[in-house]
Amino acid sequence: MRDHKNYSIYKDLKQDMRDGRLMLHDKVWMDWYEDYIISYTYRREEKANLEALTVQELMGLITRKATLS
């Protein structure tokens, strides 16, 4: 069984891709704590201290954080 700590982010990201809001080369900004991605946005917020990644990099990060339990 897989314990996916970022599963809700994964579902939201896949839905945004299906709906046409995001493509793999688009840039997103994410807020995270340790191994947990708290949120992501595709609109840049100047005051927030967020890390910028492409959608493809974020998908890779999410899938690497999946662990076996």
PDB file of N, CA and C in Angstrom:
ATOM      1  N   MET A   1       0.845  -1.181   0.000  1.00  0.00           N
ATOM      2  CA  MET A   1       0.000   0.000   0.000  1.00  0.00           C
ATOM      3  C   MET A   1       0.886   1.239   0.000  1.00  0.00           C
ATOM      4  N   ARG A   2       0.493   2.243  -0.728  1.00  0.00           N
ATOM      5  CA  ARG A   2       1.263   3.480  -0.804  1.00  0.00           C
ATOM      6  C   ARG A   2       0.703   4.526   0.162  1.00  0.00           C
ATOM      7  N   ASP A   3       1.633   5.196   0.842  1.00  0.00           N
ATOM      8  CA  ASP A   3       1.283   6.326   1.698  1.00  0.00           C
ATOM      9  C   ASP A   3       1.766   7.567   0.960  1.00  0.00           C
ATOM     10  N   HIS A   4       0.877   8.275   0.329  1.00  0.00           N
ATOM     11  CA  HIS A   4       1.250   9.421  -0.486  1.00  0.00           C
ATOM     12  C   HIS A   4       0.907  10.689   0.277  1.00  0.00           C
ATOM     13  N   LYS A   5       1.932  11.318   0.840  1.00  0.00           N
ATOM     14  CA  LYS A   5       1.734  12.489   1.691  1.00  0.00           C
ATOM     15  C   LYS A   5       1.188  13.690   0.932  1.00  0.00           C
ATOM     16  N   ASN A   6       1.442  13.751  -0.355  1.00  0.00           N
ATOM     17  CA  ASN A   6       1.018  14.890  -1.161  1.00  0.00           C
ATOM     18  C   ASN A   6      -0.089  14.511  -2.141  1.00  0.00           C
ATOM     19  N   TYR A   7      -0.909  13.545  -1.793  1.00  0.00           N
ATOM     20  CA  TYR A   7      -1.911  13.029  -2.720  1.00  0.00           C
ATOM     21  C   TYR A   7      -2.924  14.094  -3.138  1.00  0.00           C
ATOM     22  N   SER A   8      -3.367  14.934  -2.221  1.00  0.00           N
ATOM     23  CA  SER A   8      -4.357  15.957  -2.583  1.00  0.00           C
ATOM     24  C   SER A   8      -3.762  16.973  -3.546  1.00  0.00           C
ATOM     25  N   ILE A   9      -2.499  17.312  -3.382  1.00  0.00           N
ATOM     26  CA  ILE A   9      -1.829  18.216  -4.319  1.00  0.00           C
ATOM     27  C   ILE A   9      -1.724  17.542  -5.682  1.00  0.00           C
ATOM     28  N   TYR A  10      -1.384  16.261  -5.692  1.00  0.00           N
ATOM     29  CA  TYR A  10      -1.293  15.490  -6.932  1.00  0.00           C
ATOM     30  C   TYR A  10      -2.631  15.502  -7.674  1.00  0.00           C
ATOM     31  N   LYS A  11      -3.719  15.248  -6.956  1.00  0.00           N
ATOM     32  CA  LYS A  11      -5.047  15.247  -7.571  1.00  0.00           C
ATOM     33  C   LYS A  11      -5.398  16.617  -8.132  1.00  0.00           C
ATOM     34  N   ASP A  12      -5.125  17.674  -7.384  1.00  0.00           N
ATOM     35  CA  ASP A  12      -5.427  19.032  -7.842  1.00  0.00           C
ATOM     36  C   ASP A  12      -4.606  19.392  -9.078  1.00  0.00           C
ATOM     37  N   LEU A  13      -3.330  19.029  -9.064  1.00  0.00           N
ATOM     38  CA  LEU A  13      -2.457  19.322 -10.189  1.00  0.00           C
ATOM     39  C   LEU A  13      -2.915  18.596 -11.449  1.00  0.00           C
ATOM     40  N   LYS A  14      -3.254  17.313 -11.312  1.00  0.00           N
ATOM     41  CA  LYS A  14      -3.748  16.545 -12.458  1.00  0.00           C
ATOM     42  C   LYS A  14      -5.064  17.129 -12.981  1.00  0.00           C
ATOM     43  N   GLN A  15      -5.942  17.567 -12.087  1.00  0.00           N
ATOM     44  CA  GLN A  15      -7.214  18.168 -12.502  1.00  0.00           C
ATOM     45  C   GLN A  15      -6.974  19.473 -13.247  1.00  0.00           C
ATOM     46  N   ASP A  16      -6.066  20.309 -12.766  1.00  0.00           N
ATOM     47  CA  ASP A  16      -5.744  21.553 -13.456  1.00  0.00           C
ATOM     48  C   ASP A  16      -5.176  21.272 -14.848  1.00  0.00           C
ATOM     49  N   MET A  17      -4.416  20.200 -14.988  1.00  0.00           N
ATOM     50  CA  MET A  17      -3.877  19.829 -16.294  1.00  0.00           C
ATOM     51  C   MET A  17      -4.992  19.333 -17.214  1.00  0.00           C
ATOM     52  N   ARG A  18      -5.900  18.520 -16.688  1.00  0.00           N
ATOM     53  CA  ARG A  18      -7.024  18.024 -17.494  1.00  0.00           C
ATOM     54  C   ARG A  18      -7.930  19.166 -17.951  1.00  0.00           C
ATOM     55  N   ASP A  19      -8.129  20.146 -17.065  1.00  0.00           N
ATOM     56  CA  ASP A  19      -9.002  21.279 -17.380  1.00  0.00           C
ATOM     57  C   ASP A  19      -8.336  22.292 -18.311  1.00  0.00           C
ATOM     58  N   GLY A  20      -7.052  22.126 -18.588  1.00  0.00           N
ATOM     59  CA  GLY A  20      -6.352  23.023 -19.500  1.00  0.00           C
ATOM     60  C   GLY A  20      -5.777  24.267 -18.856  1.00  0.00           C
ATOM     61  N   ARG A  21      -5.807  24.347 -17.526  1.00  0.00           N
ATOM     62  CA  ARG A  21      -5.244  25.512 -16.851  1.00  0.00           C
ATOM     63  C   ARG A  21      -3.720  25.445 -16.796  1.00  0.00           C
ATOM     64  N   LEU A  22      -3.158  24.236 -16.797  1.00  0.00           N
ATOM     65  CA  LEU A  22      -1.709  24.055 -16.701  1.00  0.00           C
ATOM     66  C   LEU A  22      -1.215  23.076 -17.750  1.00  0.00           C
ATOM     67  N   MET A  23       0.023  23.306 -18.195  1.00  0.00           N
ATOM     68  CA  MET A  23       0.715  22.367 -19.074  1.00  0.00           C
ATOM     69  C   MET A  23       2.060  22.056 -18.425  1.00  0.00           C
ATOM     70  N   LEU A  24       2.745  21.015 -18.871  1.00  0.00           N
ATOM     71  CA  LEU A  24       3.981  20.573 -18.229  1.00  0.00           C
ATOM     72  C   LEU A  24       5.067  21.644 -18.176  1.00  0.00           C
ATOM     73  N   HIS A  25       5.121  22.543 -19.139  1.00  0.00           N
ATOM     74  CA  HIS A  25       6.178  23.547 -19.165  1.00  0.00           C
ATOM     75  C   HIS A  25       5.815  24.823 -18.407  1.00  0.00           C
ATOM     76  N   ASP A  26       4.576  24.939 -17.909  1.00  0.00           N
ATOM     77  CA  ASP A  26       4.145  26.126 -17.160  1.00  0.00           C
ATOM     78  C   ASP A  26       4.843  26.195 -15.812  1.00  0.00           C
ATOM     79  N   LYS A  27       4.990  27.418 -15.314  1.00  0.00           N
ATOM     80  CA  LYS A  27       5.623  27.631 -14.024  1.00  0.00           C
ATOM     81  C   LYS A  27       4.557  27.702 -12.933  1.00  0.00           C
ATOM     82  N   VAL A  28       4.831  27.080 -11.805  1.00  0.00           N
ATOM     83  CA  VAL A  28       3.960  27.173 -10.632  1.00  0.00           C
ATOM     84  C   VAL A  28       4.829  27.535  -9.431  1.00  0.00           C
ATOM     85  N   TRP A  29       4.201  28.092  -8.413  1.00  0.00           N
ATOM     86  CA  TRP A  29       4.896  28.440  -7.192  1.00  0.00           C
ATOM     87  C   TRP A  29       4.298  27.618  -6.070  1.00  0.00           C
ATOM     88  N   MET A  30       5.176  27.001  -5.268  1.00  0.00           N
ATOM     89  CA  MET A  30       4.669  26.113  -4.226  1.00  0.00           C
ATOM     90  C   MET A  30       5.172  26.536  -2.855  1.00  0.00           C
ATOM     91  N   ASP A  31       4.366  26.232  -1.866  1.00  0.00           N
ATOM     92  CA  ASP A  31       4.706  26.444  -0.466  1.00  0.00           C
ATOM     93  C   ASP A  31       4.788  25.064   0.158  1.00  0.00           C
ATOM     94  N   TRP A  32       5.887  24.769   0.832  1.00  0.00           N
ATOM     95  CA  TRP A  32       6.054  23.428   1.387  1.00  0.00           C
ATOM     96  C   TRP A  32       6.745  23.477   2.731  1.00  0.00           C
ATOM     97  N   TYR A  33       6.564  22.415   3.492  1.00  0.00           N
ATOM     98  CA  TYR A  33       7.149  22.262   4.808  1.00  0.00           C
ATOM     99  C   TYR A  33       7.653  20.835   4.925  1.00  0.00           C
ATOM    100  N   GLU A  34       8.957  20.663   5.128  1.00  0.00           N
ATOM    101  CA  GLU A  34       9.612  19.358   5.183  1.00  0.00           C
ATOM    102  C   GLU A  34       9.253  18.552   3.938  1.00  0.00           C
ATOM    103  N   ASP A  35       8.572  17.425   4.064  1.00  0.00           N
ATOM    104  CA  ASP A  35       8.205  16.593   2.916  1.00  0.00           C
ATOM    105  C   ASP A  35       6.798  16.863   2.410  1.00  0.00           C
ATOM    106  N   TYR A  36       6.104  17.824   3.001  1.00  0.00           N
ATOM    107  CA  TYR A  36       4.709  18.076   2.639  1.00  0.00           C
ATOM    108  C   TYR A  36       4.584  19.341   1.806  1.00  0.00           C
ATOM    109  N   ILE A  37       3.933  19.221   0.682  1.00  0.00           N
ATOM    110  CA  ILE A  37       3.624  20.394  -0.124  1.00  0.00           C
ATOM    111  C   ILE A  37       2.300  20.932   0.395  1.00  0.00           C
ATOM    112  N   ILE A  38       2.315  22.162   0.868  1.00  0.00           N
ATOM    113  CA  ILE A  38       1.130  22.753   1.474  1.00  0.00           C
ATOM    114  C   ILE A  38       0.165  23.236   0.396  1.00  0.00           C
ATOM    115  N   SER A  39       0.707  23.939  -0.591  1.00  0.00           N
ATOM    116  CA  SER A  39      -0.142  24.445  -1.662  1.00  0.00           C
ATOM    117  C   SER A  39       0.716  24.834  -2.855  1.00  0.00           C
ATOM    118  N   TYR A  40       0.057  25.047  -3.982  1.00  0.00           N
ATOM    119  CA  TYR A  40       0.731  25.591  -5.151  1.00  0.00           C
ATOM    120  C   TYR A  40      -0.209  26.588  -5.819  1.00  0.00           C
ATOM    121  N   THR A  41       0.357  27.490  -6.567  1.00  0.00           N
ATOM    122  CA  THR A  41      -0.435  28.461  -7.303  1.00  0.00           C
ATOM    123  C   THR A  41       0.215  28.699  -8.653  1.00  0.00           C
ATOM    124  N   TYR A  42      -0.584  29.047  -9.637  1.00  0.00           N
ATOM    125  CA  TYR A  42      -0.015  29.374 -10.929  1.00  0.00           C
ATOM    126  C   TYR A  42      -0.082  30.875 -11.178  1.00  0.00           C
ATOM    127  N   ARG A  43      -0.383  31.635 -10.140  1.00  0.00           N
ATOM    128  CA  ARG A  43      -0.319  33.093 -10.174  1.00  0.00           C
ATOM    129  C   ARG A  43       0.716  33.531  -9.148  1.00  0.00           C
ATOM    130  N   ARG A  44       1.695  34.274  -9.588  1.00  0.00           N
ATOM    131  CA  ARG A  44       2.793  34.681  -8.699  1.00  0.00           C
ATOM    132  C   ARG A  44       2.302  35.689  -7.673  1.00  0.00           C
ATOM    133  N   GLU A  45       2.675  35.451  -6.422  1.00  0.00           N
ATOM    134  CA  GLU A  45       2.358  36.375  -5.336  1.00  0.00           C
ATOM    135  C   GLU A  45       3.677  36.974  -4.864  1.00  0.00           C
ATOM    136  N   GLU A  46       3.847  38.267  -5.044  1.00  0.00           N
ATOM    137  CA  GLU A  46       5.113  38.926  -4.750  1.00  0.00           C
ATOM    138  C   GLU A  46       5.507  38.831  -3.274  1.00  0.00           C
ATOM    139  N   LYS A  47       4.558  38.979  -2.380  1.00  0.00           N
ATOM    140  CA  LYS A  47       4.881  39.020  -0.957  1.00  0.00           C
ATOM    141  C   LYS A  47       5.169  37.643  -0.364  1.00  0.00           C
ATOM    142  N   ALA A  48       4.733  36.619  -1.009  1.00  0.00           N
ATOM    143  CA  ALA A  48       4.901  35.261  -0.477  1.00  0.00           C
ATOM    144  C   ALA A  48       6.298  34.731  -0.792  1.00  0.00           C
ATOM    145  N   ASN A  49       6.825  33.920   0.097  1.00  0.00           N
ATOM    146  CA  ASN A  49       8.129  33.302  -0.075  1.00  0.00           C
ATOM    147  C   ASN A  49       7.900  31.886  -0.621  1.00  0.00           C
ATOM    148  N   LEU A  50       7.675  31.795  -1.927  1.00  0.00           N
ATOM    149  CA  LEU A  50       7.336  30.529  -2.560  1.00  0.00           C
ATOM    150  C   LEU A  50       8.453  30.100  -3.492  1.00  0.00           C
ATOM    151  N   GLU A  51       8.578  28.794  -3.684  1.00  0.00           N
ATOM    152  CA  GLU A  51       9.577  28.232  -4.578  1.00  0.00           C
ATOM    153  C   GLU A  51       8.961  28.012  -5.956  1.00  0.00           C
ATOM    154  N   ALA A  52       9.662  28.475  -7.002  1.00  0.00           N
ATOM    155  CA  ALA A  52       9.159  28.354  -8.374  1.00  0.00           C
ATOM    156  C   ALA A  52       9.669  27.064  -9.008  1.00  0.00           C
ATOM    157  N   LEU A  53       8.760  26.330  -9.650  1.00  0.00           N
ATOM    158  CA  LEU A  53       9.079  25.100 -10.373  1.00  0.00           C
ATOM    159  C   LEU A  53       8.205  25.035 -11.617  1.00  0.00           C
ATOM    160  N   THR A  54       8.594  24.188 -12.556  1.00  0.00           N
ATOM    161  CA  THR A  54       7.682  23.903 -13.658  1.00  0.00           C
ATOM    162  C   THR A  54       6.720  22.813 -13.184  1.00  0.00           C
ATOM    163  N   VAL A  55       5.639  22.651 -13.895  1.00  0.00           N
ATOM    164  CA  VAL A  55       4.663  21.613 -13.541  1.00  0.00           C
ATOM    165  C   VAL A  55       5.322  20.237 -13.597  1.00  0.00           C
ATOM    166  N   GLN A  56       6.175  20.017 -14.597  1.00  0.00           N
ATOM    167  CA  GLN A  56       6.852  18.735 -14.724  1.00  0.00           C
ATOM    168  C   GLN A  56       7.762  18.469 -13.525  1.00  0.00           C
ATOM    169  N   GLU A  57       8.486  19.476 -13.048  1.00  0.00           N
ATOM    170  CA  GLU A  57       9.350  19.314 -11.875  1.00  0.00           C
ATOM    171  C   GLU A  57       8.520  19.027 -10.627  1.00  0.00           C
ATOM    172  N   LEU A  58       7.392  19.721 -10.487  1.00  0.00           N
ATOM    173  CA  LEU A  58       6.518  19.494  -9.336  1.00  0.00           C
ATOM    174  C   LEU A  58       5.942  18.085  -9.358  1.00  0.00           C
ATOM    175  N   MET A  59       5.527  17.616 -10.530  1.00  0.00           N
ATOM    176  CA  MET A  59       5.015  16.245 -10.641  1.00  0.00           C
ATOM    177  C   MET A  59       6.096  15.236 -10.239  1.00  0.00           C
ATOM    178  N   GLY A  60       7.331  15.474 -10.672  1.00  0.00           N
ATOM    179  CA  GLY A  60       8.436  14.597 -10.293  1.00  0.00           C
ATOM    180  C   GLY A  60       8.673  14.609  -8.796  1.00  0.00           C
ATOM    181  N   LEU A  61       8.601  15.786  -8.190  1.00  0.00           N
ATOM    182  CA  LEU A  61       8.793  15.906  -6.749  1.00  0.00           C
ATOM    183  C   LEU A  61       7.691  15.173  -5.994  1.00  0.00           C
ATOM    184  N   ILE A  62       6.465  15.321  -6.438  1.00  0.00           N
ATOM    185  CA  ILE A  62       5.335  14.664  -5.775  1.00  0.00           C
ATOM    186  C   ILE A  62       5.468  13.148  -5.864  1.00  0.00           C
ATOM    187  N   THR A  63       5.807  12.635  -7.025  1.00  0.00           N
ATOM    188  CA  THR A  63       5.880  11.184  -7.180  1.00  0.00           C
ATOM    189  C   THR A  63       7.086  10.589  -6.461  1.00  0.00           C
ATOM    190  N   ARG A  64       8.172  11.358  -6.308  1.00  0.00           N
ATOM    191  CA  ARG A  64       9.327  10.860  -5.543  1.00  0.00           C
ATOM    192  C   ARG A  64       9.041  10.803  -4.054  1.00  0.00           C
ATOM    193  N   LYS A  65       8.115  11.641  -3.575  1.00  0.00           N
ATOM    194  CA  LYS A  65       7.797  11.685  -2.148  1.00  0.00           C
ATOM    195  C   LYS A  65       6.857  10.558  -1.739  1.00  0.00           C
ATOM    196  N   ALA A  66       6.340   9.809  -2.698  1.00  0.00           N
ATOM    197  CA  ALA A  66       5.484   8.663  -2.370  1.00  0.00           C
ATOM    198  C   ALA A  66       6.353   7.572  -1.765  1.00  0.00           C
ATOM    199  N   THR A  67       5.938   7.061  -0.623  1.00  0.00           N
ATOM    200  CA  THR A  67       6.725   6.047   0.060  1.00  0.00           C
ATOM    201  C   THR A  67       5.892   4.801   0.312  1.00  0.00           C
ATOM    202  N   LEU A  68       6.541   3.693   0.426  1.00  0.00           N
ATOM    203  CA  LEU A  68       5.851   2.468   0.783  1.00  0.00           C
ATOM    204  C   LEU A  68       5.658   2.422   2.291  1.00  0.00           C
ATOM    205  N   SER A  69       4.485   2.007   2.724  1.00  0.00           N
ATOM    206  CA  SER A  69       4.249   1.900   4.177  1.00  0.00           C
ATOM    207  C   SER A  69       4.025   0.458   4.560  1.00  0.00           C
TER     208      SER A  69
END
